[in-house]
Amino acid sequence: MAKPIKRSKHIIKLSREHHFSLLFGWKIRTGLKKGIDLERIEAYIRYFWKEHQIPHFAQEDVLYEKVNDELVQRAFREHREMEEIMAKINETPEKEKADLFQTIADKVTDHVRFEERILFPHLEEQIADSELAEIARKHHEMQPEPLEDNWEDEFWAREK
């Protein structure tokens, strides 16, 4: 079993939200494997993206502003790539969306793993604790309550 990653108390909220992002990917992949109607999966993707991912990216951007290096540029680039995939989902005919759903699920999962294993430890070394505390304060102003995933149509668990 992997040893849990120790995270600064100032950015632990972002790490906890990553749990929902990993579940997002799993739910999509599970729904696709079960042959769930793509409209149901898409409704969830749109909900999660609007209610969770967009606010989460905005909070991460506040953290990433403090360091301008290759790892942070990769994170920004990956955020934009995922936004482009979401735009493609809007433009793609229904019967052709399954591949894009798989792609967004995989991209989000891979991105979270990069942030947790590589980027966040790097940023914790680069940014002073006092600055991390200020970032946490800004995050709280942006989103006082933790982001959650309250989608009711559990298409990944059972069919409707």
C-alpha atoms as a PDB file:
ATOM      1  CA  MET A   1       0.000   0.000   0.000  1.00  0.00           C
ATOM      2  CA  ALA A   2       1.290   3.470  -0.905  1.00  0.00           C
ATOM      3  CA  LYS A   3       2.236   5.769   1.924  1.00  0.00           C
ATOM      4  CA  PRO A   4      -0.104   8.801   2.154  1.00  0.00           C
ATOM      5  CA  ILE A   5       1.395  12.061   0.939  1.00  0.00           C
ATOM      6  CA  LYS A   6       1.952  14.661   3.651  1.00  0.00           C
ATOM      7  CA  ARG A   7       0.458  17.926   2.438  1.00  0.00           C
ATOM      8  CA  SER A   8       0.774  21.469   3.779  1.00  0.00           C
ATOM      9  CA  LYS A   9      -2.281  22.389   5.835  1.00  0.00           C
ATOM     10  CA  HIS A  10      -2.615  25.463   3.633  1.00  0.00           C
ATOM     11  CA  ILE A  11      -3.291  23.505   0.445  1.00  0.00           C
ATOM     12  CA  ILE A  12      -4.836  20.345   1.894  1.00  0.00           C
ATOM     13  CA  LYS A  13      -8.256  21.551   0.686  1.00  0.00           C
ATOM     14  CA  LEU A  14      -7.068  21.323  -2.931  1.00  0.00           C
ATOM     15  CA  SER A  15      -5.754  17.808  -2.320  1.00  0.00           C
ATOM     16  CA  ARG A  16      -9.037  16.716  -0.784  1.00  0.00           C
ATOM     17  CA  GLU A  17     -10.902  18.062  -3.796  1.00  0.00           C
ATOM     18  CA  HIS A  18      -8.663  15.939  -5.993  1.00  0.00           C
ATOM     19  CA  HIS A  19     -10.400  12.902  -4.535  1.00  0.00           C
ATOM     20  CA  PHE A  20     -13.604  14.015  -6.275  1.00  0.00           C
ATOM     21  CA  SER A  21     -11.695  14.583  -9.513  1.00  0.00           C
ATOM     22  CA  LEU A  22     -10.312  11.049  -9.405  1.00  0.00           C
ATOM     23  CA  LEU A  23     -13.824   9.739  -8.791  1.00  0.00           C
ATOM     24  CA  PHE A  24     -15.050  11.843 -11.726  1.00  0.00           C
ATOM     25  CA  GLY A  25     -12.725   9.938 -14.045  1.00  0.00           C
ATOM     26  CA  TRP A  26     -13.660   6.592 -12.533  1.00  0.00           C
ATOM     27  CA  LYS A  27     -17.386   7.297 -12.797  1.00  0.00           C
ATOM     28  CA  ILE A  28     -17.120   8.224 -16.469  1.00  0.00           C
ATOM     29  CA  ARG A  29     -15.004   5.179 -17.333  1.00  0.00           C
ATOM     30  CA  THR A  30     -17.377   2.902 -15.392  1.00  0.00           C
ATOM     31  CA  GLY A  31     -20.433   4.385 -17.117  1.00  0.00           C
ATOM     32  CA  LEU A  32     -18.828   3.901 -20.528  1.00  0.00           C
ATOM     33  CA  LYS A  33     -17.901   0.272 -19.731  1.00  0.00           C
ATOM     34  CA  LYS A  34     -21.477  -0.408 -18.621  1.00  0.00           C
ATOM     35  CA  GLY A  35     -22.855   1.082 -21.833  1.00  0.00           C
ATOM     36  CA  ILE A  36     -24.791   3.762 -19.965  1.00  0.00           C
ATOM     37  CA  ASP A  37     -26.662   6.236 -22.151  1.00  0.00           C
ATOM     38  CA  LEU A  38     -24.212   8.971 -23.184  1.00  0.00           C
ATOM     39  CA  GLU A  39     -26.707  11.725 -22.348  1.00  0.00           C
ATOM     40  CA  ARG A  40     -26.636  10.676 -18.685  1.00  0.00           C
ATOM     41  CA  ILE A  41     -22.852  10.650 -18.619  1.00  0.00           C
ATOM     42  CA  GLU A  42     -22.681  13.992 -20.393  1.00  0.00           C
ATOM     43  CA  ALA A  43     -25.107  15.577 -17.929  1.00  0.00           C
ATOM     44  CA  TYR A  44     -22.782  14.503 -15.110  1.00  0.00           C
ATOM     45  CA  ILE A  45     -19.684  15.753 -16.933  1.00  0.00           C
ATOM     46  CA  ARG A  46     -21.278  19.166 -17.473  1.00  0.00           C
ATOM     47  CA  TYR A  47     -22.429  19.369 -13.841  1.00  0.00           C
ATOM     48  CA  PHE A  48     -19.049  18.362 -12.433  1.00  0.00           C
ATOM     49  CA  TRP A  49     -17.125  20.637 -14.745  1.00  0.00           C
ATOM     50  CA  LYS A  50     -19.210  23.700 -13.857  1.00  0.00           C
ATOM     51  CA  GLU A  51     -19.668  23.055 -10.146  1.00  0.00           C
ATOM     52  CA  HIS A  52     -16.311  21.533  -9.290  1.00  0.00           C
ATOM     53  CA  GLN A  53     -13.608  21.726 -11.921  1.00  0.00           C
ATOM     54  CA  ILE A  54     -13.887  25.386 -12.954  1.00  0.00           C
ATOM     55  CA  PRO A  55     -13.785  26.689  -9.342  1.00  0.00           C
ATOM     56  CA  HIS A  56     -11.021  24.214  -8.496  1.00  0.00           C
ATOM     57  CA  PHE A  57      -8.871  25.370 -11.428  1.00  0.00           C
ATOM     58  CA  ALA A  58      -9.396  28.998 -10.377  1.00  0.00           C
ATOM     59  CA  GLN A  59      -8.095  28.190  -6.899  1.00  0.00           C
ATOM     60  CA  GLU A  60      -5.132  26.312  -8.292  1.00  0.00           C
ATOM     61  CA  ASP A  61      -4.305  29.272 -10.526  1.00  0.00           C
ATOM     62  CA  VAL A  62      -3.894  31.426  -7.388  1.00  0.00           C
ATOM     63  CA  LEU A  63      -1.372  28.894  -6.067  1.00  0.00           C
ATOM     64  CA  TYR A  64       0.449  28.551  -9.399  1.00  0.00           C
ATOM     65  CA  GLU A  65       0.904  32.315  -9.780  1.00  0.00           C
ATOM     66  CA  LYS A  66       3.618  32.178  -7.113  1.00  0.00           C
ATOM     67  CA  VAL A  67       6.030  30.075  -9.175  1.00  0.00           C
ATOM     68  CA  ASN A  68       6.776  30.365 -12.877  1.00  0.00           C
ATOM     69  CA  ASP A  69       8.695  27.295 -13.939  1.00  0.00           C
ATOM     70  CA  GLU A  70       8.318  24.308 -16.247  1.00  0.00           C
ATOM     71  CA  LEU A  71       6.157  22.300 -13.818  1.00  0.00           C
ATOM     72  CA  VAL A  72       3.699  25.155 -13.286  1.00  0.00           C
ATOM     73  CA  GLN A  73       3.593  25.835 -17.022  1.00  0.00           C
ATOM     74  CA  ARG A  74       2.735  22.166 -17.543  1.00  0.00           C
ATOM     75  CA  ALA A  75      -0.157  22.476 -15.070  1.00  0.00           C
ATOM     76  CA  PHE A  76      -1.502  25.578 -16.825  1.00  0.00           C
ATOM     77  CA  ARG A  77      -1.143  23.836 -20.198  1.00  0.00           C
ATOM     78  CA  GLU A  78      -3.027  20.772 -18.942  1.00  0.00           C
ATOM     79  CA  HIS A  79      -5.834  22.972 -17.571  1.00  0.00           C
ATOM     80  CA  ARG A  80      -6.209  24.590 -21.011  1.00  0.00           C
ATOM     81  CA  GLU A  81      -6.121  21.181 -22.751  1.00  0.00           C
ATOM     82  CA  MET A  82      -8.982  19.955 -20.570  1.00  0.00           C
ATOM     83  CA  GLU A  83     -10.946  23.137 -21.272  1.00  0.00           C
ATOM     84  CA  GLU A  84     -10.444  22.498 -25.004  1.00  0.00           C
ATOM     85  CA  ILE A  85     -11.757  18.945 -24.630  1.00  0.00           C
ATOM     86  CA  MET A  86     -14.845  20.306 -22.885  1.00  0.00           C
ATOM     87  CA  ALA A  87     -15.377  22.753 -25.764  1.00  0.00           C
ATOM     88  CA  LYS A  88     -15.095  19.840 -28.225  1.00  0.00           C
ATOM     89  CA  ILE A  89     -17.733  17.935 -26.263  1.00  0.00           C
ATOM     90  CA  ASN A  90     -20.096  20.852 -26.926  1.00  0.00           C
ATOM     91  CA  GLU A  91     -19.405  20.711 -30.670  1.00  0.00           C
ATOM     92  CA  THR A  92     -19.436  16.939 -31.197  1.00  0.00           C
ATOM     93  CA  PRO A  93     -22.487  14.952 -32.321  1.00  0.00           C
ATOM     94  CA  GLU A  94     -23.931  12.738 -29.545  1.00  0.00           C
ATOM     95  CA  LYS A  95     -22.957   9.409 -31.109  1.00  0.00           C
ATOM     96  CA  GLU A  96     -19.287  10.465 -31.339  1.00  0.00           C
ATOM     97  CA  LYS A  97     -18.837  11.703 -27.763  1.00  0.00           C
ATOM     98  CA  ALA A  98     -17.763   8.481 -26.015  1.00  0.00           C
ATOM     99  CA  ASP A  99     -14.116   8.935 -27.041  1.00  0.00           C
ATOM    100  CA  LEU A 100     -14.094  12.501 -25.715  1.00  0.00           C
ATOM    101  CA  PHE A 101     -15.656  11.330 -22.452  1.00  0.00           C
ATOM    102  CA  GLN A 102     -12.885   8.752 -22.095  1.00  0.00           C
ATOM    103  CA  THR A 103     -10.292  11.403 -22.933  1.00  0.00           C
ATOM    104  CA  ILE A 104     -11.534  13.923 -20.340  1.00  0.00           C
ATOM    105  CA  ALA A 105     -11.712  11.176 -17.696  1.00  0.00           C
ATOM    106  CA  ASP A 106      -8.130  10.114 -18.414  1.00  0.00           C
ATOM    107  CA  LYS A 107      -6.790  13.674 -18.643  1.00  0.00           C
ATOM    108  CA  VAL A 108      -8.314  14.718 -15.320  1.00  0.00           C
ATOM    109  CA  THR A 109      -6.994  11.574 -13.615  1.00  0.00           C
ATOM    110  CA  ASP A 110      -3.489  11.971 -15.051  1.00  0.00           C
ATOM    111  CA  HIS A 111      -3.442  15.670 -14.177  1.00  0.00           C
ATOM    112  CA  VAL A 112      -4.441  15.057 -10.551  1.00  0.00           C
ATOM    113  CA  ARG A 113      -1.742  12.420 -10.185  1.00  0.00           C
ATOM    114  CA  PHE A 114       0.846  14.864 -11.597  1.00  0.00           C
ATOM    115  CA  GLU A 115      -0.265  17.585  -9.194  1.00  0.00           C
ATOM    116  CA  GLU A 116      -0.313  15.339  -6.134  1.00  0.00           C
ATOM    117  CA  ARG A 117       2.902  13.437  -6.783  1.00  0.00           C
ATOM    118  CA  ILE A 118       5.080  16.079  -8.429  1.00  0.00           C
ATOM    119  CA  LEU A 119       3.718  19.623  -8.556  1.00  0.00           C
ATOM    120  CA  PHE A 120       2.330  20.141  -5.049  1.00  0.00           C
ATOM    121  CA  PRO A 121       5.464  18.812  -3.290  1.00  0.00           C
ATOM    122  CA  HIS A 122       7.526  21.059  -5.587  1.00  0.00           C
ATOM    123  CA  LEU A 123       5.394  24.117  -4.770  1.00  0.00           C
ATOM    124  CA  GLU A 124       5.542  23.390  -1.046  1.00  0.00           C
ATOM    125  CA  GLU A 125       9.331  23.590  -1.328  1.00  0.00           C
ATOM    126  CA  GLN A 126       9.269  26.765  -3.440  1.00  0.00           C
ATOM    127  CA  ILE A 127       6.636  28.832  -1.620  1.00  0.00           C
ATOM    128  CA  ALA A 128       7.147  30.102   1.922  1.00  0.00           C
ATOM    129  CA  ASP A 129       4.687  28.905   4.536  1.00  0.00           C
ATOM    130  CA  SER A 130       3.499  32.486   5.123  1.00  0.00           C
ATOM    131  CA  GLU A 131       2.668  32.805   1.411  1.00  0.00           C
ATOM    132  CA  LEU A 132       0.860  29.451   1.472  1.00  0.00           C
ATOM    133  CA  ALA A 133      -1.193  30.749   4.394  1.00  0.00           C
ATOM    134  CA  GLU A 134      -2.147  33.832   2.353  1.00  0.00           C
ATOM    135  CA  ILE A 135      -3.098  31.578  -0.578  1.00  0.00           C
ATOM    136  CA  ALA A 136      -5.302  29.525   1.755  1.00  0.00           C
ATOM    137  CA  ARG A 137      -7.017  32.729   2.879  1.00  0.00           C
ATOM    138  CA  LYS A 138      -7.690  33.688  -0.753  1.00  0.00           C
ATOM    139  CA  HIS A 139      -8.989  30.198  -1.468  1.00  0.00           C
ATOM    140  CA  HIS A 140     -11.408  30.526   1.439  1.00  0.00           C
ATOM    141  CA  GLU A 141     -12.659  33.855   0.081  1.00  0.00           C
ATOM    142  CA  MET A 142     -13.158  32.295  -3.358  1.00  0.00           C
ATOM    143  CA  GLN A 143     -14.875  29.152  -2.057  1.00  0.00           C
ATOM    144  CA  PRO A 144     -15.796  29.227   1.666  1.00  0.00           C
ATOM    145  CA  GLU A 145     -17.336  25.741   1.594  1.00  0.00           C
ATOM    146  CA  PRO A 146     -15.461  22.692   0.334  1.00  0.00           C
ATOM    147  CA  LEU A 147     -16.333  21.608  -3.191  1.00  0.00           C
ATOM    148  CA  GLU A 148     -18.309  18.380  -3.281  1.00  0.00           C
ATOM    149  CA  ASP A 149     -19.878  16.084  -5.822  1.00  0.00           C
ATOM    150  CA  ASN A 150     -23.595  15.790  -5.076  1.00  0.00           C
ATOM    151  CA  TRP A 151     -24.786  14.331  -8.381  1.00  0.00           C
ATOM    152  CA  GLU A 152     -27.842  12.152  -7.778  1.00  0.00           C
ATOM    153  CA  ASP A 153     -27.959  10.005 -10.932  1.00  0.00           C
ATOM    154  CA  GLU A 154     -25.484   7.314  -9.928  1.00  0.00           C
ATOM    155  CA  PHE A 155     -25.199   5.870 -13.434  1.00  0.00           C
ATOM    156  CA  TRP A 156     -21.843   4.302 -12.513  1.00  0.00           C
ATOM    157  CA  ALA A 157     -23.438   2.251  -9.727  1.00  0.00           C
ATOM    158  CA  ARG A 158     -26.759   1.204 -11.191  1.00  0.00           C
ATOM    159  CA  GLU A 159     -28.864   1.553 -14.299  1.00  0.00           C
ATOM    160  CA  LYS A 160     -31.970   3.670 -14.360  1.00  0.00           C
END
